[in-house]
């Protein structure tokens, strides 16, 4: 498994839509996506731009999970009475 990043949110959505059902993986709110190495060939053949950040080591995945958990999220809209 490797960690990849896409140049924009739109390309990331397109890539996730393509990968869904074809490969296992995980995405984080911080922008990184973990995919198996064979998925890289398919992404490239579909013309989807990406950069490889490196192998998905235990330490790297743990760090990404922590970063995603601590990243600020948009506040929930206030309920109207």
PDB file of N, CA and C in Angstrom:
ATOM      1  N   UNK A   1       0.855  -1.181   0.000  1.00  0.00           N
ATOM      2  CA  UNK A   1       0.000   0.000   0.000  1.00  0.00           C
ATOM      3  C   UNK A   1       0.897   1.239   0.000  1.00  0.00           C
ATOM      4  N   UNK A   2       0.418   2.269  -0.696  1.00  0.00           N
ATOM      5  CA  UNK A   2       1.143   3.528  -0.786  1.00  0.00           C
ATOM      6  C   UNK A   2       0.186   4.682  -0.496  1.00  0.00           C
ATOM      7  N   UNK A   3       0.775   5.794  -0.099  1.00  0.00           N
ATOM      8  CA  UNK A   3       0.014   7.017   0.152  1.00  0.00           C
ATOM      9  C   UNK A   3       0.192   7.924  -1.064  1.00  0.00           C
ATOM     10  N   UNK A   4      -0.928   8.390  -1.606  1.00  0.00           N
ATOM     11  CA  UNK A   4      -0.886   9.310  -2.741  1.00  0.00           C
ATOM     12  C   UNK A   4      -1.672  10.565  -2.398  1.00  0.00           C
ATOM     13  N   UNK A   5      -1.411  11.597  -3.171  1.00  0.00           N
ATOM     14  CA  UNK A   5      -2.131  12.864  -3.021  1.00  0.00           C
ATOM     15  C   UNK A   5      -2.476  13.354  -4.425  1.00  0.00           C
ATOM     16  N   UNK A   6      -3.599  14.016  -4.542  1.00  0.00           N
ATOM     17  CA  UNK A   6      -4.068  14.523  -5.824  1.00  0.00           C
ATOM     18  C   UNK A   6      -3.966  16.040  -5.832  1.00  0.00           C
ATOM     19  N   UNK A   7      -3.760  16.636  -7.023  1.00  0.00           N
ATOM     20  CA  UNK A   7      -3.519  18.082  -7.080  1.00  0.00           C
ATOM     21  C   UNK A   7      -4.715  18.961  -6.739  1.00  0.00           C
ATOM     22  N   UNK A   8      -5.918  18.418  -6.779  1.00  0.00           N
ATOM     23  CA  UNK A   8      -7.091  19.231  -6.442  1.00  0.00           C
ATOM     24  C   UNK A   8      -8.184  18.338  -5.871  1.00  0.00           C
ATOM     25  N   UNK A   9      -9.148  18.969  -5.236  1.00  0.00           N
ATOM     26  CA  UNK A   9     -10.277  18.236  -4.661  1.00  0.00           C
ATOM     27  C   UNK A   9     -11.081  17.558  -5.768  1.00  0.00           C
ATOM     28  N   UNK A  10     -11.236  18.243  -6.893  1.00  0.00           N
ATOM     29  CA  UNK A  10     -12.003  17.668  -7.999  1.00  0.00           C
ATOM     30  C   UNK A  10     -11.343  16.398  -8.530  1.00  0.00           C
ATOM     31  N   UNK A  11     -10.033  16.438  -8.695  1.00  0.00           N
ATOM     32  CA  UNK A  11      -9.312  15.259  -9.189  1.00  0.00           C
ATOM     33  C   UNK A  11      -9.360  14.146  -8.149  1.00  0.00           C
ATOM     34  N   UNK A  12      -9.276  14.509  -6.880  1.00  0.00           N
ATOM     35  CA  UNK A  12      -9.368  13.500  -5.817  1.00  0.00           C
ATOM     36  C   UNK A  12     -10.724  12.798  -5.866  1.00  0.00           C
ATOM     37  N   UNK A  13     -11.786  13.563  -6.034  1.00  0.00           N
ATOM     38  CA  UNK A  13     -13.129  12.971  -6.126  1.00  0.00           C
ATOM     39  C   UNK A  13     -13.244  12.048  -7.333  1.00  0.00           C
ATOM     40  N   UNK A  14     -12.702  12.489  -8.457  1.00  0.00           N
ATOM     41  CA  UNK A  14     -12.726  11.657  -9.668  1.00  0.00           C
ATOM     42  C   UNK A  14     -11.968  10.355  -9.433  1.00  0.00           C
ATOM     43  N   UNK A  15     -10.796  10.458  -8.806  1.00  0.00           N
ATOM     44  CA  UNK A  15      -9.986   9.271  -8.534  1.00  0.00           C
ATOM     45  C   UNK A  15     -10.705   8.321  -7.586  1.00  0.00           C
ATOM     46  N   UNK A  16     -11.287   8.853  -6.526  1.00  0.00           N
ATOM     47  CA  UNK A  16     -11.999   7.997  -5.578  1.00  0.00           C
ATOM     48  C   UNK A  16     -13.188   7.321  -6.242  1.00  0.00           C
ATOM     49  N   UNK A  17     -13.877   8.039  -7.113  1.00  0.00           N
ATOM     50  CA  UNK A  17     -14.987   7.444  -7.845  1.00  0.00           C
ATOM     51  C   UNK A  17     -14.527   6.314  -8.739  1.00  0.00           C
ATOM     52  N   UNK A  18     -13.364   6.483  -9.345  1.00  0.00           N
ATOM     53  CA  UNK A  18     -12.814   5.437 -10.205  1.00  0.00           C
ATOM     54  C   UNK A  18     -12.348   4.238  -9.382  1.00  0.00           C
ATOM     55  N   UNK A  19     -11.708   4.502  -8.254  1.00  0.00           N
ATOM     56  CA  UNK A  19     -11.144   3.420  -7.438  1.00  0.00           C
ATOM     57  C   UNK A  19     -12.209   2.627  -6.694  1.00  0.00           C
ATOM     58  N   UNK A  20     -13.308   3.273  -6.354  1.00  0.00           N
ATOM     59  CA  UNK A  20     -14.365   2.632  -5.580  1.00  0.00           C
ATOM     60  C   UNK A  20     -14.867   1.377  -6.287  1.00  0.00           C
ATOM     61  N   UNK A  21     -14.848   0.277  -5.593  1.00  0.00           N
ATOM     62  CA  UNK A  21     -15.296  -0.984  -6.165  1.00  0.00           C
ATOM     63  C   UNK A  21     -14.219  -1.748  -6.909  1.00  0.00           C
ATOM     64  N   UNK A  22     -13.108  -1.089  -7.212  1.00  0.00           N
ATOM     65  CA  UNK A  22     -12.016  -1.756  -7.915  1.00  0.00           C
ATOM     66  C   UNK A  22     -10.862  -2.103  -6.979  1.00  0.00           C
ATOM     67  N   UNK A  23     -10.611  -1.225  -6.017  1.00  0.00           N
ATOM     68  CA  UNK A  23      -9.480  -1.397  -5.110  1.00  0.00           C
ATOM     69  C   UNK A  23      -9.897  -1.028  -3.693  1.00  0.00           C
ATOM     70  N   UNK A  24      -9.235  -1.628  -2.731  1.00  0.00           N
ATOM     71  CA  UNK A  24      -9.440  -1.225  -1.343  1.00  0.00           C
ATOM     72  C   UNK A  24      -8.572   0.001  -1.082  1.00  0.00           C
ATOM     73  N   UNK A  25      -8.884   0.706  -0.032  1.00  0.00           N
ATOM     74  CA  UNK A  25      -8.085   1.872   0.297  1.00  0.00           C
ATOM     75  C   UNK A  25      -8.716   2.667   1.416  1.00  0.00           C
ATOM     76  N   UNK A  26      -8.116   3.814   1.674  1.00  0.00           N
ATOM     77  CA  UNK A  26      -8.605   4.701   2.729  1.00  0.00           C
ATOM     78  C   UNK A  26      -8.239   6.118   2.338  1.00  0.00           C
ATOM     79  N   UNK A  27      -9.147   7.040   2.631  1.00  0.00           N
ATOM     80  CA  UNK A  27      -8.844   8.447   2.398  1.00  0.00           C
ATOM     81  C   UNK A  27      -9.007   9.207   3.704  1.00  0.00           C
ATOM     82  N   UNK A  28      -8.252  10.268   3.824  1.00  0.00           N
ATOM     83  CA  UNK A  28      -8.298  11.107   5.016  1.00  0.00           C
ATOM     84  C   UNK A  28      -8.735  12.511   4.631  1.00  0.00           C
ATOM     85  N   UNK A  29      -9.304  13.219   5.590  1.00  0.00           N
ATOM     86  CA  UNK A  29      -9.750  14.594   5.356  1.00  0.00           C
ATOM     87  C   UNK A  29      -8.576  15.526   5.076  1.00  0.00           C
ATOM     88  N   UNK A  30      -7.371  15.086   5.399  1.00  0.00           N
ATOM     89  CA  UNK A  30      -6.176  15.889   5.149  1.00  0.00           C
ATOM     90  C   UNK A  30      -5.731  15.820   3.689  1.00  0.00           C
ATOM     91  N   UNK A  31      -6.379  14.964   2.875  1.00  0.00           N
ATOM     92  CA  UNK A  31      -6.085  14.904   1.449  1.00  0.00           C
ATOM     93  C   UNK A  31      -5.354  13.667   0.974  1.00  0.00           C
ATOM     94  N   UNK A  32      -4.737  12.936   1.876  1.00  0.00           N
ATOM     95  CA  UNK A  32      -4.011  11.739   1.483  1.00  0.00           C
ATOM     96  C   UNK A  32      -4.972  10.583   1.238  1.00  0.00           C
ATOM     97  N   UNK A  33      -4.552   9.680   0.360  1.00  0.00           N
ATOM     98  CA  UNK A  33      -5.330   8.488   0.053  1.00  0.00           C
ATOM     99  C   UNK A  33      -4.371   7.304   0.036  1.00  0.00           C
ATOM    100  N   UNK A  34      -4.756   6.218   0.708  1.00  0.00           N
ATOM    101  CA  UNK A  34      -3.950   5.002   0.723  1.00  0.00           C
ATOM    102  C   UNK A  34      -4.558   4.024  -0.277  1.00  0.00           C
ATOM    103  N   UNK A  35      -3.730   3.560  -1.208  1.00  0.00           N
ATOM    104  CA  UNK A  35      -4.193   2.618  -2.234  1.00  0.00           C
ATOM    105  C   UNK A  35      -3.150   1.521  -2.415  1.00  0.00           C
ATOM    106  N   UNK A  36      -3.558   0.364  -2.941  1.00  0.00           N
ATOM    107  CA  UNK A  36      -2.569  -0.660  -3.268  1.00  0.00           C
ATOM    108  C   UNK A  36      -1.757  -0.213  -4.490  1.00  0.00           C
ATOM    109  N   UNK A  37      -0.518  -0.665  -4.569  1.00  0.00           N
ATOM    110  CA  UNK A  37       0.351  -0.253  -5.673  1.00  0.00           C
ATOM    111  C   UNK A  37      -0.243  -0.510  -7.055  1.00  0.00           C
ATOM    112  N   UNK A  38      -0.944  -1.633  -7.295  1.00  0.00           N
ATOM    113  CA  UNK A  38      -1.517  -1.836  -8.636  1.00  0.00           C
ATOM    114  C   UNK A  38      -2.513  -0.751  -9.052  1.00  0.00           C
ATOM    115  N   UNK A  39      -3.097  -0.046  -8.103  1.00  0.00           N
ATOM    116  CA  UNK A  39      -4.045   1.020  -8.438  1.00  0.00           C
ATOM    117  C   UNK A  39      -3.356   2.178  -9.148  1.00  0.00           C
ATOM    118  N   UNK A  40      -2.067   2.356  -8.921  1.00  0.00           N
ATOM    119  CA  UNK A  40      -1.343   3.467  -9.537  1.00  0.00           C
ATOM    120  C   UNK A  40      -1.359   3.357 -11.059  1.00  0.00           C
ATOM    121  N   UNK A  41      -1.187   2.147 -11.570  1.00  0.00           N
ATOM    122  CA  UNK A  41      -1.216   1.921 -13.016  1.00  0.00           C
ATOM    123  C   UNK A  41      -2.568   2.307 -13.593  1.00  0.00           C
ATOM    124  N   UNK A  42      -3.629   1.937 -12.903  1.00  0.00           N
ATOM    125  CA  UNK A  42      -4.974   2.240 -13.381  1.00  0.00           C
ATOM    126  C   UNK A  42      -5.265   3.737 -13.320  1.00  0.00           C
ATOM    127  N   UNK A  43      -4.823   4.399 -12.262  1.00  0.00           N
ATOM    128  CA  UNK A  43      -5.016   5.846 -12.180  1.00  0.00           C
ATOM    129  C   UNK A  43      -4.299   6.540 -13.336  1.00  0.00           C
ATOM    130  N   UNK A  44      -3.062   6.130 -13.588  1.00  0.00           N
ATOM    131  CA  UNK A  44      -2.286   6.734 -14.672  1.00  0.00           C
ATOM    132  C   UNK A  44      -2.933   6.471 -16.028  1.00  0.00           C
ATOM    133  N   UNK A  45      -3.442   5.263 -16.240  1.00  0.00           N
ATOM    134  CA  UNK A  45      -4.063   4.937 -17.533  1.00  0.00           C
ATOM    135  C   UNK A  45      -5.359   5.716 -17.754  1.00  0.00           C
ATOM    136  N   UNK A  46      -5.994   6.157 -16.673  1.00  0.00           N
ATOM    137  CA  UNK A  46      -7.202   6.977 -16.778  1.00  0.00           C
ATOM    138  C   UNK A  46      -6.871   8.466 -16.896  1.00  0.00           C
ATOM    139  N   UNK A  47      -5.578   8.793 -16.868  1.00  0.00           N
ATOM    140  CA  UNK A  47      -5.165  10.186 -16.980  1.00  0.00           C
ATOM    141  C   UNK A  47      -5.392  10.995 -15.722  1.00  0.00           C
ATOM    142  N   UNK A  48      -5.458  10.323 -14.582  1.00  0.00           N
ATOM    143  CA  UNK A  48      -5.679  10.994 -13.300  1.00  0.00           C
ATOM    144  C   UNK A  48      -4.323  11.334 -12.692  1.00  0.00           C
ATOM    145  N   UNK A  49      -4.061  12.621 -12.505  1.00  0.00           N
ATOM    146  CA  UNK A  49      -2.784  13.074 -11.957  1.00  0.00           C
ATOM    147  C   UNK A  49      -2.722  12.805 -10.460  1.00  0.00           C
ATOM    148  N   UNK A  50      -1.564  12.362  -9.991  1.00  0.00           N
ATOM    149  CA  UNK A  50      -1.356  12.110  -8.569  1.00  0.00           C
ATOM    150  C   UNK A  50       0.132  12.154  -8.282  1.00  0.00           C
ATOM    151  N   UNK A  51       0.464  12.296  -7.008  1.00  0.00           N
ATOM    152  CA  UNK A  51       1.857  12.188  -6.579  1.00  0.00           C
ATOM    153  C   UNK A  51       1.922  11.163  -5.459  1.00  0.00           C
ATOM    154  N   UNK A  52       2.961  10.355  -5.504  1.00  0.00           N
ATOM    155  CA  UNK A  52       3.157   9.325  -4.488  1.00  0.00           C
ATOM    156  C   UNK A  52       3.941   9.941  -3.347  1.00  0.00           C
ATOM    157  N   UNK A  53       3.403   9.834  -2.136  1.00  0.00           N
ATOM    158  CA  UNK A  53       4.084  10.379  -0.965  1.00  0.00           C
ATOM    159  C   UNK A  53       4.965   9.349  -0.286  1.00  0.00           C
ATOM    160  N   UNK A  54       4.722   8.069  -0.550  1.00  0.00           N
ATOM    161  CA  UNK A  54       5.561   7.028   0.026  1.00  0.00           C
ATOM    162  C   UNK A  54       4.758   5.829   0.470  1.00  0.00           C
ATOM    163  N   UNK A  55       5.460   4.854   1.031  1.00  0.00           N
ATOM    164  CA  UNK A  55       4.774   3.643   1.484  1.00  0.00           C
ATOM    165  C   UNK A  55       3.857   3.939   2.670  1.00  0.00           C
ATOM    166  N   UNK A  56       2.810   3.152   2.782  1.00  0.00           N
ATOM    167  CA  UNK A  56       1.847   3.313   3.876  1.00  0.00           C
ATOM    168  C   UNK A  56       2.321   2.503   5.076  1.00  0.00           C
ATOM    169  N   UNK A  57       3.326   3.018   5.751  1.00  0.00           N
ATOM    170  CA  UNK A  57       3.841   2.340   6.938  1.00  0.00           C
ATOM    171  C   UNK A  57       2.873   2.529   8.100  1.00  0.00           C
ATOM    172  N   UNK A  58       3.002   1.691   9.086  1.00  0.00           N
ATOM    173  CA  UNK A  58       2.153   1.792  10.278  1.00  0.00           C
ATOM    174  C   UNK A  58       2.266   3.187  10.887  1.00  0.00           C
ATOM    175  N   UNK A  59       3.486   3.683  10.999  1.00  0.00           N
ATOM    176  CA  UNK A  59       3.712   4.989  11.614  1.00  0.00           C
ATOM    177  C   UNK A  59       3.045   6.104  10.812  1.00  0.00           C
ATOM    178  N   UNK A  60       3.143   6.016   9.491  1.00  0.00           N
ATOM    179  CA  UNK A  60       2.550   7.041   8.623  1.00  0.00           C
ATOM    180  C   UNK A  60       1.023   7.038   8.727  1.00  0.00           C
ATOM    181  N   UNK A  61       0.424   5.855   8.713  1.00  0.00           N
ATOM    182  CA  UNK A  61      -1.034   5.744   8.824  1.00  0.00           C
ATOM    183  C   UNK A  61      -1.502   6.252  10.187  1.00  0.00           C
ATOM    184  N   UNK A  62      -0.773   5.914  11.234  1.00  0.00           N
ATOM    185  CA  UNK A  62      -1.109   6.392  12.573  1.00  0.00           C
ATOM    186  C   UNK A  62      -1.058   7.918  12.626  1.00  0.00           C
ATOM    187  N   UNK A  63      -0.033   8.511  12.037  1.00  0.00           N
ATOM    188  CA  UNK A  63       0.093   9.966  11.993  1.00  0.00           C
ATOM    189  C   UNK A  63      -1.068  10.594  11.213  1.00  0.00           C
ATOM    190  N   UNK A  64      -1.424  10.007  10.084  1.00  0.00           N
ATOM    191  CA  UNK A  64      -2.540  10.536   9.292  1.00  0.00           C
ATOM    192  C   UNK A  64      -3.851  10.456  10.062  1.00  0.00           C
ATOM    193  N   UNK A  65      -4.066   9.359  10.776  1.00  0.00           N
ATOM    194  CA  UNK A  65      -5.278   9.228  11.592  1.00  0.00           C
ATOM    195  C   UNK A  65      -5.328  10.311  12.666  1.00  0.00           C
ATOM    196  N   UNK A  66      -4.204  10.573  13.296  1.00  0.00           N
ATOM    197  CA  UNK A  66      -4.153  11.607  14.340  1.00  0.00           C
ATOM    198  C   UNK A  66      -4.381  12.995  13.752  1.00  0.00           C
ATOM    199  N   UNK A  67      -3.757  13.260  12.600  1.00  0.00           N
ATOM    200  CA  UNK A  67      -3.930  14.568  11.963  1.00  0.00           C
ATOM    201  C   UNK A  67      -5.380  14.784  11.548  1.00  0.00           C
ATOM    202  N   UNK A  68      -5.992  13.760  10.994  1.00  0.00           N
ATOM    203  CA  UNK A  68      -7.386  13.883  10.562  1.00  0.00           C
ATOM    204  C   UNK A  68      -8.306  14.099  11.754  1.00  0.00           C
ATOM    205  N   UNK A  69      -8.006  13.441  12.868  1.00  0.00           N
ATOM    206  CA  UNK A  69      -8.840  13.584  14.062  1.00  0.00           C
ATOM    207  C   UNK A  69      -8.714  14.976  14.668  1.00  0.00           C
ATOM    208  N   UNK A  70      -7.545  15.601  14.508  1.00  0.00           N
ATOM    209  CA  UNK A  70      -7.344  16.910  15.117  1.00  0.00           C
ATOM    210  C   UNK A  70      -7.562  18.057  14.138  1.00  0.00           C
ATOM    211  N   UNK A  71      -7.820  17.748  12.855  1.00  0.00           N
ATOM    212  CA  UNK A  71      -8.019  18.828  11.889  1.00  0.00           C
ATOM    213  C   UNK A  71      -9.350  19.517  12.157  1.00  0.00           C
ATOM    214  N   UNK A  72      -9.363  20.837  12.001  1.00  0.00           N
ATOM    215  CA  UNK A  72     -10.607  21.568  12.271  1.00  0.00           C
ATOM    216  C   UNK A  72     -11.676  21.191  11.256  1.00  0.00           C
ATOM    217  N   UNK A  73     -12.874  21.040  11.756  1.00  0.00           N
ATOM    218  CA  UNK A  73     -14.004  20.736  10.883  1.00  0.00           C
ATOM    219  C   UNK A  73     -14.946  21.922  10.887  1.00  0.00           C
ATOM    220  N   UNK A  74     -15.787  21.981   9.882  1.00  0.00           N
ATOM    221  CA  UNK A  74     -16.752  23.069   9.828  1.00  0.00           C
ATOM    222  C   UNK A  74     -17.786  22.873  10.921  1.00  0.00           C
ATOM    223  N   UNK A  75     -18.152  23.952  11.616  1.00  0.00           N
ATOM    224  CA  UNK A  75     -19.147  23.817  12.686  1.00  0.00           C
ATOM    225  C   UNK A  75     -20.504  23.432  12.120  1.00  0.00           C
ATOM    226  N   UNK A  76     -21.246  22.693  12.908  1.00  0.00           N
ATOM    227  CA  UNK A  76     -22.607  22.311  12.533  1.00  0.00           C
ATOM    228  C   UNK A  76     -23.477  23.561  12.543  1.00  0.00           C
ATOM    229  N   UNK A  77     -24.394  23.687  11.584  1.00  0.00           N
ATOM    230  CA  UNK A  77     -25.285  24.854  11.611  1.00  0.00           C
ATOM    231  C   UNK A  77     -26.180  24.802  12.841  1.00  0.00           C
ATOM    232  N   UNK A  78     -26.439  25.965  13.383  1.00  0.00           N
ATOM    233  CA  UNK A  78     -27.280  26.043  14.583  1.00  0.00           C
ATOM    234  C   UNK A  78     -28.708  25.653  14.235  1.00  0.00           C
ATOM    235  N   UNK A  79     -29.306  24.890  15.113  1.00  0.00           N
ATOM    236  CA  UNK A  79     -30.700  24.473  14.904  1.00  0.00           C
ATOM    237  C   UNK A  79     -31.609  25.664  15.161  1.00  0.00           C
ATOM    238  N   UNK A  80     -32.556  25.864  14.271  1.00  0.00           N
ATOM    239  CA  UNK A  80     -33.489  26.976  14.475  1.00  0.00           C
ATOM    240  C   UNK A  80     -34.660  26.508  15.321  1.00  0.00           C
ATOM    241  N   UNK A  81     -35.110  27.385  16.186  1.00  0.00           N
ATOM    242  CA  UNK A  81     -36.201  27.019  17.101  1.00  0.00           C
ATOM    243  C   UNK A  81     -37.534  27.421  16.577  1.00  0.00           C
TER     244      UNK A  81
END
